[in-house]
N, C-alpha and C. Protein backbone atom coordinates (compact mmCIF):
# COMPACT_ATOMS: atom_id res chain seq x y z
N MET A 1 112.73 104.46 100.33
CA MET A 1 111.60 104.08 99.30
C MET A 1 112.28 103.58 98.81
N LEU A 2 113.60 104.91 98.18
CA LEU A 2 113.98 105.27 96.96
C LEU A 2 115.17 104.25 97.08
N ASN A 3 116.02 104.29 98.16
CA ASN A 3 118.29 104.00 98.51
C ASN A 3 117.13 102.86 99.17
N SER A 4 117.64 101.68 99.19
CA SER A 4 118.56 101.26 100.81
C SER A 4 118.75 102.17 102.05
N VAL A 5 118.49 101.57 103.06
CA VAL A 5 119.11 102.81 104.57
C VAL A 5 120.68 101.99 104.73
N VAL A 6 121.40 102.14 105.20
CA VAL A 6 123.24 102.13 105.50
C VAL A 6 123.49 101.84 107.12
N ILE A 7 123.24 100.32 107.09
CA ILE A 7 123.52 99.37 108.57
C ILE A 7 125.39 100.27 108.82
N ASP A 8 124.84 100.94 110.31
CA ASP A 8 126.24 101.17 111.15
C ASP A 8 126.76 99.79 112.31
N ALA A 9 126.96 98.52 111.50
CA ALA A 9 127.44 98.08 112.25
C ALA A 9 127.66 98.03 114.11
N GLU A 10 128.44 98.60 113.44
CA GLU A 10 130.19 99.25 114.45
C GLU A 10 128.39 100.23 115.70
N HIS A 11 128.20 100.65 115.75
CA HIS A 11 126.79 101.83 116.09
C HIS A 11 125.74 100.98 116.29
N GLY A 12 125.40 100.31 115.89
CA GLY A 12 124.23 99.61 115.94
C GLY A 12 122.79 100.73 115.79
N THR A 13 123.16 101.07 114.32
CA THR A 13 122.07 101.84 113.66
C THR A 13 122.22 101.78 112.54
N ILE A 14 119.86 101.60 112.37
CA ILE A 14 119.85 102.34 110.75
C ILE A 14 119.70 103.77 110.57
N ASP A 15 120.21 103.80 108.94
CA ASP A 15 119.84 105.26 108.90
C ASP A 15 119.95 105.07 107.69
N SER A 16 119.85 106.25 107.36
CA SER A 16 119.65 106.89 105.41
C SER A 16 121.14 107.34 104.94
N PRO A 17 121.36 107.54 104.17
CA PRO A 17 122.96 107.64 103.55
C PRO A 17 123.70 108.46 103.99
N LEU A 18 124.57 108.69 104.86
CA LEU A 18 125.20 109.88 105.08
C LEU A 18 126.03 110.28 104.36
N HIS A 19 126.36 110.36 103.61
CA HIS A 19 127.40 110.51 101.65
C HIS A 19 127.49 109.78 100.61
N PRO A 20 127.30 110.23 100.00
CA PRO A 20 127.26 110.07 98.49
C PRO A 20 127.84 108.76 98.18
N SER A 21 128.70 108.76 98.59
CA SER A 21 128.92 106.91 98.89
C SER A 21 128.24 105.66 99.29
N GLN A 22 127.77 105.65 99.95
CA GLN A 22 126.24 104.89 100.35
C GLN A 22 124.92 104.40 99.74
N VAL A 23 124.71 105.99 98.59
CA VAL A 23 123.80 105.28 97.96
C VAL A 23 123.46 104.75 97.45
N GLN A 24 122.45 103.52 97.84
CA GLN A 24 122.19 101.85 96.69
C GLN A 24 120.99 102.82 96.42
N VAL A 25 120.00 102.88 95.25
CA VAL A 25 118.34 103.04 94.63
C VAL A 25 118.98 102.02 94.57
N TYR A 26 117.10 101.22 94.63
CA TYR A 26 116.70 100.11 94.06
C TYR A 26 116.72 99.73 92.77
N PRO A 27 117.09 98.78 92.20
CA PRO A 27 116.81 98.22 91.17
C PRO A 27 115.50 99.03 90.52
N TRP A 28 114.34 98.42 90.95
CA TRP A 28 112.83 98.35 90.22
C TRP A 28 112.85 100.21 90.33
N VAL A 29 112.99 101.18 91.01
CA VAL A 29 112.68 102.53 90.94
C VAL A 29 112.79 103.52 89.34
N PRO A 30 114.21 103.67 88.97
CA PRO A 30 114.02 103.84 87.64
C PRO A 30 112.89 103.87 86.64
N GLY A 31 112.80 102.23 86.57
CA GLY A 31 111.61 102.07 85.56
C GLY A 31 110.45 102.55 86.73
N ALA A 32 110.13 102.63 87.93
CA ALA A 32 108.75 102.69 88.59
C ALA A 32 108.50 103.85 87.80
N LEU A 33 109.12 105.09 87.98
CA LEU A 33 109.23 105.90 87.84
C LEU A 33 109.07 106.76 86.87
N ALA A 34 109.77 106.30 85.47
CA ALA A 34 109.17 106.18 84.43
C ALA A 34 107.79 105.83 83.37
N LEU A 35 107.10 104.44 84.49
CA LEU A 35 106.03 104.23 84.32
C LEU A 35 104.50 105.31 85.38
N MET A 36 105.15 105.69 86.28
CA MET A 36 104.54 106.81 87.05
C MET A 36 104.41 108.33 85.16
N ASN A 37 105.57 108.77 85.45
CA ASN A 37 105.31 109.65 84.39
C ASN A 37 104.66 109.53 82.96
N SER A 38 105.23 107.55 82.67
CA SER A 38 103.78 108.05 81.51
C SER A 38 103.03 107.85 81.29
N ARG A 39 102.06 107.85 82.63
CA ARG A 39 100.46 107.61 82.98
C ARG A 39 100.44 109.42 83.80
N HIS A 40 101.46 110.03 83.29
CA HIS A 40 101.76 112.06 83.22
C HIS A 40 101.03 112.17 84.95
N PHE A 41 101.75 111.12 85.68
CA PHE A 41 101.83 110.97 87.17
C PHE A 41 103.32 112.69 87.51
N GLY A 42 102.91 113.59 87.82
CA GLY A 42 104.18 114.18 88.15
C GLY A 42 104.38 114.01 89.44
N LEU A 43 106.16 113.91 89.92
CA LEU A 43 106.80 112.77 90.69
C LEU A 43 107.42 113.88 91.40
N ALA A 44 107.07 114.72 93.11
CA ALA A 44 108.09 115.62 93.90
C ALA A 44 109.19 114.74 95.15
N ILE A 45 109.85 115.22 95.81
CA ILE A 45 110.05 114.51 96.61
C ILE A 45 109.43 115.26 98.04
N ALA A 46 108.89 114.40 98.78
CA ALA A 46 109.60 114.96 100.33
C ALA A 46 110.04 114.46 101.29
N THR A 47 111.13 114.53 102.08
CA THR A 47 111.82 114.07 103.05
C THR A 47 111.93 114.55 104.19
N ASN A 48 112.70 113.71 104.97
CA ASN A 48 113.08 113.94 106.68
C ASN A 48 114.53 114.29 106.48
N GLN A 49 115.71 114.84 105.93
CA GLN A 49 117.34 114.03 106.18
C GLN A 49 117.77 115.45 107.55
N PRO A 50 117.68 114.97 108.94
CA PRO A 50 118.48 115.89 110.16
C PRO A 50 119.05 115.22 110.80
N ALA A 51 120.20 114.04 109.26
CA ALA A 51 121.47 113.64 109.89
C ALA A 51 122.53 114.82 110.17
N ALA A 52 122.20 116.15 109.42
CA ALA A 52 123.51 117.12 109.61
C ALA A 52 122.99 118.18 111.47
N ALA A 53 121.40 118.24 111.34
CA ALA A 53 121.52 119.05 112.18
C ALA A 53 122.03 118.15 114.15
N LYS A 54 121.96 117.07 113.37
CA LYS A 54 122.31 116.03 114.87
C LYS A 54 123.30 116.20 115.10
N GLY A 55 124.64 116.18 113.69
CA GLY A 55 125.61 116.13 114.08
C GLY A 55 126.43 115.20 113.52
N LYS A 56 125.89 114.21 112.61
CA LYS A 56 126.16 112.99 112.09
C LYS A 56 127.26 113.26 110.48
N THR A 57 127.22 114.56 110.21
CA THR A 57 126.87 114.33 109.13
C THR A 57 127.21 115.91 108.66
N THR A 58 127.38 116.47 107.15
CA THR A 58 127.59 117.92 107.48
C THR A 58 125.85 117.71 106.20
N ARG A 59 124.91 119.25 105.61
CA ARG A 59 124.35 119.53 105.11
C ARG A 59 124.95 119.37 103.55
N GLN A 60 125.92 119.98 103.59
CA GLN A 60 126.53 119.88 102.14
C GLN A 60 125.98 117.68 101.04
N ASN A 61 127.15 116.80 101.93
CA ASN A 61 126.56 115.87 102.22
C ASN A 61 125.64 114.97 101.42
N LEU A 62 124.45 115.81 102.65
CA LEU A 62 122.58 115.32 102.61
C LEU A 62 122.52 115.87 100.71
N GLU A 63 122.93 117.04 100.77
CA GLU A 63 122.12 117.79 99.40
C GLU A 63 123.12 116.68 97.84
N GLN A 64 124.18 115.94 98.42
CA GLN A 64 124.88 115.48 97.71
C GLN A 64 124.62 114.27 97.57
N VAL A 65 124.20 113.35 98.47
CA VAL A 65 123.62 112.04 98.61
C VAL A 65 121.90 112.54 97.35
N HIS A 66 121.35 113.56 97.72
CA HIS A 66 120.12 113.20 97.20
C HIS A 66 120.01 113.64 96.14
N MET A 67 121.17 114.07 95.61
CA MET A 67 120.98 114.06 93.67
C MET A 67 121.78 113.44 93.09
N THR A 68 122.59 112.32 94.67
CA THR A 68 122.85 111.50 93.84
C THR A 68 121.78 110.25 93.74
N VAL A 69 121.32 110.67 94.54
CA VAL A 69 119.62 109.74 94.17
C VAL A 69 118.57 109.63 93.73
N VAL A 70 118.70 111.29 93.22
CA VAL A 70 117.49 111.51 91.45
C VAL A 70 118.27 111.16 90.37
N ASN A 71 119.66 111.16 90.42
CA ASN A 71 120.01 111.34 89.45
C ASN A 71 120.51 109.11 89.42
N ALA A 72 120.20 108.32 89.86
CA ALA A 72 120.27 107.45 89.78
C ALA A 72 118.62 106.97 89.82
N ALA A 73 117.42 107.28 90.62
CA ALA A 73 116.64 106.89 90.14
C ALA A 73 116.27 107.89 89.02
N GLU A 74 116.42 108.70 88.37
CA GLU A 74 116.26 108.88 86.54
C GLU A 74 116.19 108.74 86.30
N LYS A 75 117.40 107.21 85.58
CA LYS A 75 118.54 107.09 84.33
C LYS A 75 117.13 106.20 83.90
N ALA A 76 115.65 105.30 84.34
CA ALA A 76 114.72 104.90 82.45
C ALA A 76 114.00 105.88 82.35
N GLY A 77 114.64 107.20 82.63
CA GLY A 77 113.97 108.30 81.88
C GLY A 77 112.91 108.37 82.93
N GLY A 78 112.46 108.38 84.41
CA GLY A 78 111.39 109.40 84.72
C GLY A 78 111.80 110.53 85.64
N LYS A 79 111.22 111.07 85.19
CA LYS A 79 111.57 112.60 85.94
C LYS A 79 111.16 113.23 86.93
N ILE A 80 111.56 113.66 88.29
CA ILE A 80 110.96 113.72 89.99
C ILE A 80 111.09 115.59 89.55
N LEU A 81 110.31 116.59 89.77
CA LEU A 81 109.87 117.36 89.57
C LEU A 81 110.22 118.36 90.46
N SER A 82 110.69 118.26 91.62
CA SER A 82 110.96 118.66 92.70
C SER A 82 111.41 118.31 94.14
N SER A 83 111.98 119.14 94.85
CA SER A 83 112.90 117.60 94.93
C SER A 83 112.01 119.23 96.73
N HIS A 84 111.36 118.58 98.29
CA HIS A 84 111.45 119.34 99.24
C HIS A 84 112.04 117.92 100.68
N ILE A 85 113.00 119.28 101.56
CA ILE A 85 113.64 118.18 102.57
C ILE A 85 113.68 119.45 103.28
N CYS A 86 113.36 118.47 104.54
CA CYS A 86 113.90 119.10 105.80
C CYS A 86 114.87 118.70 106.26
N PHE A 87 115.17 119.95 106.43
CA PHE A 87 117.18 119.43 107.61
C PHE A 87 116.68 119.66 108.81
N HIS A 88 115.63 119.70 109.17
CA HIS A 88 114.84 119.65 110.99
C HIS A 88 114.79 118.95 111.75
N ARG A 89 116.59 118.49 113.33
CA ARG A 89 114.87 117.32 113.63
C ARG A 89 114.25 117.68 114.21
N SER A 90 113.36 116.22 115.16
CA SER A 90 112.13 116.66 115.39
C SER A 90 111.71 117.80 116.15
N GLU A 91 112.78 117.76 117.85
CA GLU A 91 112.69 118.96 118.69
C GLU A 91 112.77 120.29 118.15
N ASP A 92 112.98 120.84 116.91
CA ASP A 92 113.19 122.15 116.10
C ASP A 92 111.79 122.66 116.20
N GLY A 93 110.81 121.78 116.20
CA GLY A 93 109.11 121.83 115.54
C GLY A 93 109.39 122.71 114.21
N CYS A 94 109.16 122.78 113.53
CA CYS A 94 109.63 123.73 112.51
C CYS A 94 108.14 122.88 111.61
N GLU A 95 108.03 124.03 110.83
CA GLU A 95 106.09 123.69 109.94
C GLU A 95 106.55 122.25 108.78
N CYS A 96 107.64 122.00 108.54
CA CYS A 96 108.70 121.58 106.93
C CYS A 96 108.69 120.49 107.57
N ARG A 97 108.96 119.24 108.65
CA ARG A 97 109.21 118.22 109.63
C ARG A 97 107.56 116.98 108.53
N LYS A 98 107.95 116.26 108.22
CA LYS A 98 106.83 114.97 108.65
C LYS A 98 107.18 113.85 109.65
N PRO A 99 105.38 114.06 110.45
CA PRO A 99 104.22 114.30 109.65
C PRO A 99 103.52 115.55 109.80
N LYS A 100 103.76 116.70 109.79
CA LYS A 100 103.62 117.99 109.59
C LYS A 100 103.47 117.57 107.71
N PRO A 101 102.04 118.57 107.51
CA PRO A 101 102.71 118.53 105.46
C PRO A 101 103.02 119.66 105.00
N GLY A 102 103.82 120.15 105.67
CA GLY A 102 104.34 121.25 104.37
C GLY A 102 105.20 121.05 103.48
N LEU A 103 106.27 120.03 103.42
CA LEU A 103 106.47 119.43 102.68
C LEU A 103 105.66 119.48 101.26
N LEU A 104 104.54 118.67 101.69
CA LEU A 104 104.09 118.48 100.36
C LEU A 104 103.00 119.25 99.62
N LEU A 105 102.58 120.32 100.89
CA LEU A 105 101.80 121.36 100.95
C LEU A 105 103.02 122.56 99.73
N ALA A 106 104.34 121.87 100.33
CA ALA A 106 104.88 123.09 99.14
C ALA A 106 105.52 122.56 97.92
N ALA A 107 104.83 121.32 97.50
CA ALA A 107 105.60 120.47 96.91
C ALA A 107 104.24 121.10 95.68
N ILE A 108 102.70 121.16 96.05
CA ILE A 108 101.49 120.88 95.85
C ILE A 108 102.05 122.41 94.92
N THR A 109 102.62 123.24 95.88
CA THR A 109 102.10 124.54 95.06
C THR A 109 103.48 124.95 94.53
N GLN A 110 104.03 123.75 94.81
CA GLN A 110 105.54 124.11 93.68
C GLN A 110 105.28 123.65 92.06
N ASN A 111 105.01 123.01 91.78
CA ASN A 111 104.14 122.54 90.92
C ASN A 111 102.68 122.24 90.45
N PRO A 112 101.85 123.00 90.03
CA PRO A 112 100.18 124.06 90.42
C PRO A 112 99.59 122.87 88.78
N GLY A 113 98.73 122.40 88.58
CA GLY A 113 97.98 121.75 87.67
C GLY A 113 97.83 120.34 87.74
N PHE A 114 98.56 119.93 88.50
CA PHE A 114 97.83 118.20 89.13
C PHE A 114 96.23 118.46 89.78
N ASP A 115 95.65 118.05 90.27
CA ASP A 115 94.49 116.98 90.28
C ASP A 115 94.77 116.75 92.30
N LEU A 116 94.59 117.76 93.39
CA LEU A 116 94.91 117.19 93.94
C LEU A 116 94.18 115.60 94.78
N ASN A 117 92.44 116.16 94.48
CA ASN A 117 92.06 114.06 94.87
C ASN A 117 92.20 113.77 93.83
N LYS A 118 93.18 113.54 93.51
CA LYS A 118 94.20 112.46 92.66
C LYS A 118 95.31 113.02 92.51
N SER A 119 96.02 112.51 93.50
CA SER A 119 97.50 112.85 93.83
C SER A 119 97.89 112.32 95.35
N TRP A 120 98.68 112.02 95.69
CA TRP A 120 99.52 110.18 96.92
C TRP A 120 100.29 111.10 97.31
N MET A 121 100.48 110.47 98.60
CA MET A 121 102.02 110.24 99.26
C MET A 121 102.30 108.94 99.64
N VAL A 122 103.37 108.48 98.85
CA VAL A 122 104.03 107.61 98.89
C VAL A 122 104.94 106.93 99.82
N GLY A 123 105.63 107.02 100.87
CA GLY A 123 105.41 106.60 101.98
C GLY A 123 106.11 105.54 102.69
N ASP A 124 107.49 105.42 103.48
CA ASP A 124 107.55 103.87 104.02
C ASP A 124 107.61 104.08 105.29
N GLY A 125 106.95 105.01 105.57
CA GLY A 125 106.83 105.34 107.79
C GLY A 125 105.25 106.00 107.34
N VAL A 126 104.70 105.57 109.69
CA VAL A 126 103.89 105.94 109.73
C VAL A 126 103.43 107.87 109.99
N MET A 127 104.84 108.52 109.81
CA MET A 127 105.31 110.01 109.27
C MET A 127 104.67 110.30 108.28
N ASP A 128 104.94 109.43 106.89
CA ASP A 128 104.97 109.68 105.38
C ASP A 128 102.68 110.46 105.35
N ILE A 129 102.47 108.79 105.85
CA ILE A 129 101.21 108.09 106.19
C ILE A 129 99.95 109.50 106.39
N ARG A 130 100.48 109.94 107.37
CA ARG A 130 100.46 111.32 108.49
C ARG A 130 100.57 112.21 107.53
N ALA A 131 101.29 112.25 106.84
CA ALA A 131 102.13 114.33 106.84
C ALA A 131 101.24 113.64 105.09
N GLY A 132 100.40 112.98 104.27
CA GLY A 132 99.74 112.56 103.99
C GLY A 132 98.62 112.58 103.60
N GLN A 133 97.93 112.49 104.80
CA GLN A 133 96.13 112.62 104.88
C GLN A 133 96.45 113.78 105.61
N LEU A 134 97.54 114.67 106.91
CA LEU A 134 96.80 116.54 106.37
C LEU A 134 96.89 116.62 105.15
N ALA A 135 97.69 116.49 104.85
CA ALA A 135 97.72 117.41 103.18
C ALA A 135 96.59 116.86 101.86
N GLY A 136 95.77 116.22 102.80
CA GLY A 136 94.59 116.00 102.11
C GLY A 136 94.76 114.42 101.16
N LEU A 137 95.40 114.31 100.92
CA LEU A 137 96.15 113.12 99.85
C LEU A 137 95.91 111.50 99.99
N LYS A 138 95.28 111.07 99.02
CA LYS A 138 95.56 109.31 99.10
C LYS A 138 96.78 109.32 99.41
N THR A 139 96.99 107.72 100.33
CA THR A 139 98.46 107.55 100.54
C THR A 139 98.13 105.95 100.37
N ALA A 140 99.96 105.22 99.88
CA ALA A 140 100.32 104.54 99.63
C ALA A 140 101.72 104.29 101.16
N PHE A 141 101.95 102.66 101.76
CA PHE A 141 102.83 102.41 102.83
C PHE A 141 103.66 101.75 101.76
N VAL A 142 104.52 101.67 101.26
CA VAL A 142 105.18 100.93 100.86
C VAL A 142 106.25 100.34 101.94
N GLY A 143 106.48 99.07 102.56
CA GLY A 143 106.59 98.14 102.85
C GLY A 143 106.40 96.51 103.43
N SER A 144 107.09 95.89 103.34
CA SER A 144 106.62 94.63 103.48
C SER A 144 105.65 94.08 104.06
N LYS A 145 104.76 93.70 104.73
CA LYS A 145 103.82 93.29 105.16
C LYS A 145 103.69 91.74 106.68
N LYS A 146 105.30 91.36 106.39
CA LYS A 146 105.39 90.31 106.69
C LYS A 146 105.62 90.87 108.27
N TRP A 147 105.61 92.03 108.85
CA TRP A 147 105.92 92.85 109.67
C TRP A 147 104.52 93.18 110.05
N ASP A 148 104.29 93.23 111.70
CA ASP A 148 102.57 93.99 111.64
C ASP A 148 103.42 95.68 112.02
N ALA A 149 103.22 95.86 110.89
CA ALA A 149 103.18 97.78 110.66
C ALA A 149 102.09 97.37 110.99
N ARG A 150 100.56 97.28 110.59
CA ARG A 150 99.05 97.23 111.15
C ARG A 150 99.12 97.69 111.78
N ARG A 151 99.55 97.24 113.39
CA ARG A 151 100.00 96.94 114.76
C ARG A 151 99.81 98.77 114.39
N VAL A 152 101.03 98.69 114.47
CA VAL A 152 101.53 100.19 114.69
C VAL A 152 100.57 101.45 113.78
N PHE A 153 99.93 101.69 112.59
CA PHE A 153 98.67 102.14 112.39
C PHE A 153 97.29 102.27 113.06
N GLU A 154 97.39 100.83 113.29
CA GLU A 154 95.90 100.91 114.13
C GLU A 154 96.80 101.87 115.30
N GLN A 155 97.25 100.84 116.21
CA GLN A 155 97.40 101.98 117.20
C GLN A 155 97.18 104.47 117.41
N MET A 156 97.47 103.92 115.70
CA MET A 156 98.14 105.72 114.99
C MET A 156 96.51 106.14 115.29
N GLU A 157 96.00 105.29 114.83
CA GLU A 157 94.66 105.17 114.55
C GLU A 157 94.69 105.86 113.28
N LEU A 158 95.52 105.60 111.73
CA LEU A 158 95.95 105.68 110.54
C LEU A 158 95.99 104.47 109.33
N GLU A 159 95.51 104.85 108.89
CA GLU A 159 94.74 103.77 107.42
C GLU A 159 95.28 104.33 106.71
N PRO A 160 96.50 103.86 105.84
CA PRO A 160 97.05 103.79 103.73
C PRO A 160 95.67 104.01 103.36
N THR A 161 95.52 104.04 101.90
CA THR A 161 94.67 103.77 101.19
C THR A 161 94.79 102.42 100.77
N ILE A 162 96.46 102.00 100.61
CA ILE A 162 96.26 100.98 99.33
C ILE A 162 98.23 101.01 100.53
N TRP A 163 98.37 99.67 100.43
CA TRP A 163 99.65 98.60 100.83
C TRP A 163 100.24 98.55 99.84
N VAL A 164 101.96 98.48 100.02
CA VAL A 164 102.55 98.27 98.73
C VAL A 164 103.73 97.45 98.94
N GLU A 165 104.49 96.35 98.70
CA GLU A 165 105.73 96.09 98.39
C GLU A 165 106.77 96.84 98.38
N ASN A 166 106.70 98.00 97.46
CA ASN A 166 107.44 98.63 97.11
C ASN A 166 106.88 99.45 95.61
N VAL A 167 107.87 100.53 95.04
CA VAL A 167 107.86 101.22 94.86
C VAL A 167 107.26 101.33 92.81
N MET A 168 107.57 100.16 92.96
CA MET A 168 107.29 99.67 91.13
C MET A 168 106.04 98.92 91.59
N GLU A 169 105.58 98.18 92.80
CA GLU A 169 104.08 97.94 93.20
C GLU A 169 103.46 98.37 92.65
N PHE A 170 103.67 100.55 93.56
CA PHE A 170 102.77 101.11 93.22
C PHE A 170 102.44 101.71 91.62
N ALA A 171 103.72 101.86 91.34
CA ALA A 171 103.79 102.24 89.60
C ALA A 171 102.96 101.08 88.78
N GLU A 172 102.28 100.21 89.57
CA GLU A 172 102.22 99.00 88.37
C GLU A 172 100.89 99.64 88.96
N TYR A 173 99.72 99.69 90.32
CA TYR A 173 99.03 99.76 90.54
C TYR A 173 98.55 100.43 89.53
N LEU A 174 99.42 102.04 89.25
CA LEU A 174 98.13 103.14 89.13
C LEU A 174 98.46 102.52 87.09
N ALA A 175 99.55 102.28 87.35
CA ALA A 175 99.22 102.51 85.88
C ALA A 175 97.78 101.22 84.96
N SER A 176 97.04 100.34 85.85
CA SER A 176 96.42 98.84 85.69
C SER A 176 95.56 99.84 85.59
N THR A 177 94.97 101.11 86.59
CA THR A 177 94.33 101.89 87.54
C THR A 177 93.71 103.07 86.44
N VAL A 178 94.77 103.17 86.03
CA VAL A 178 95.05 105.18 85.25
C VAL A 178 94.39 104.81 83.69
N SER A 179 94.28 105.14 83.21
CA SER A 179 94.50 105.77 81.34
C SER A 179 95.42 106.39 81.27
N ALA A 180 96.20 106.38 79.84
CA ALA A 180 97.70 107.25 79.75
C ALA A 180 97.27 108.76 79.37
N ASP A 181 96.00 108.41 78.70
CA ASP A 181 95.44 110.05 78.44
C ASP A 181 94.87 110.88 79.83
N LYS A 182 94.89 110.29 81.09
CA LYS A 182 94.50 111.45 81.92
C LYS A 182 95.75 111.57 82.76
N PHE A 183 95.59 113.38 83.47
CA PHE A 183 95.97 113.74 83.86
C PHE A 183 96.17 114.11 85.64
N GLU A 184 97.19 113.66 85.74
CA GLU A 184 97.13 112.99 87.15
C GLU A 184 98.61 113.12 87.92
N SER A 185 98.70 113.13 89.16
CA SER A 185 99.49 113.64 90.42
C SER A 185 99.61 112.29 91.08
N THR A 186 101.22 111.82 91.34
CA THR A 186 101.39 112.12 92.61
C THR A 186 102.83 112.13 93.06
N THR A 187 102.85 113.02 94.88
CA THR A 187 104.12 113.12 95.56
C THR A 187 104.22 112.00 96.42
N PRO A 188 105.63 111.65 95.92
CA PRO A 188 106.17 110.14 96.37
C PRO A 188 106.93 110.70 97.80
């Protein structure tokens, strides 16, 4: 959601960046983060990154990828309060991997003072929305409405609070509905 995926044409796979040199943060992300911060939303990252556990790259590479994403995303003055990363595979059965709410609950615990009832999980996957709902958050699905995501959500009996095309659209939504003097939180 903050950065573009990497397409490996040789193997026919689509993945998150596996090396810092592959990171490309979407151009609207830094401004979107700054806009949300200006409305007093605290930002935290919750992400599943199992590539090292699957033998695709090293954990050190994934940590460097993450720092590259955070630094690029903050370049317009937005601030990310904390990051919460699950490095496990789904078959490991951990409590932190989305769709379980462990990462989100860790973000909420680490960043006290935000109103949980006004907090959001913003994500580009069904598991993000499920984790957000399990944590008691409002949810925003980031993704093109051109593909049939609605059918997938219906089959899983999930419904995001809102649907947006990208993080900037979500930030503009918040800016239009929240006055700048309110203290609220979001956990994208």
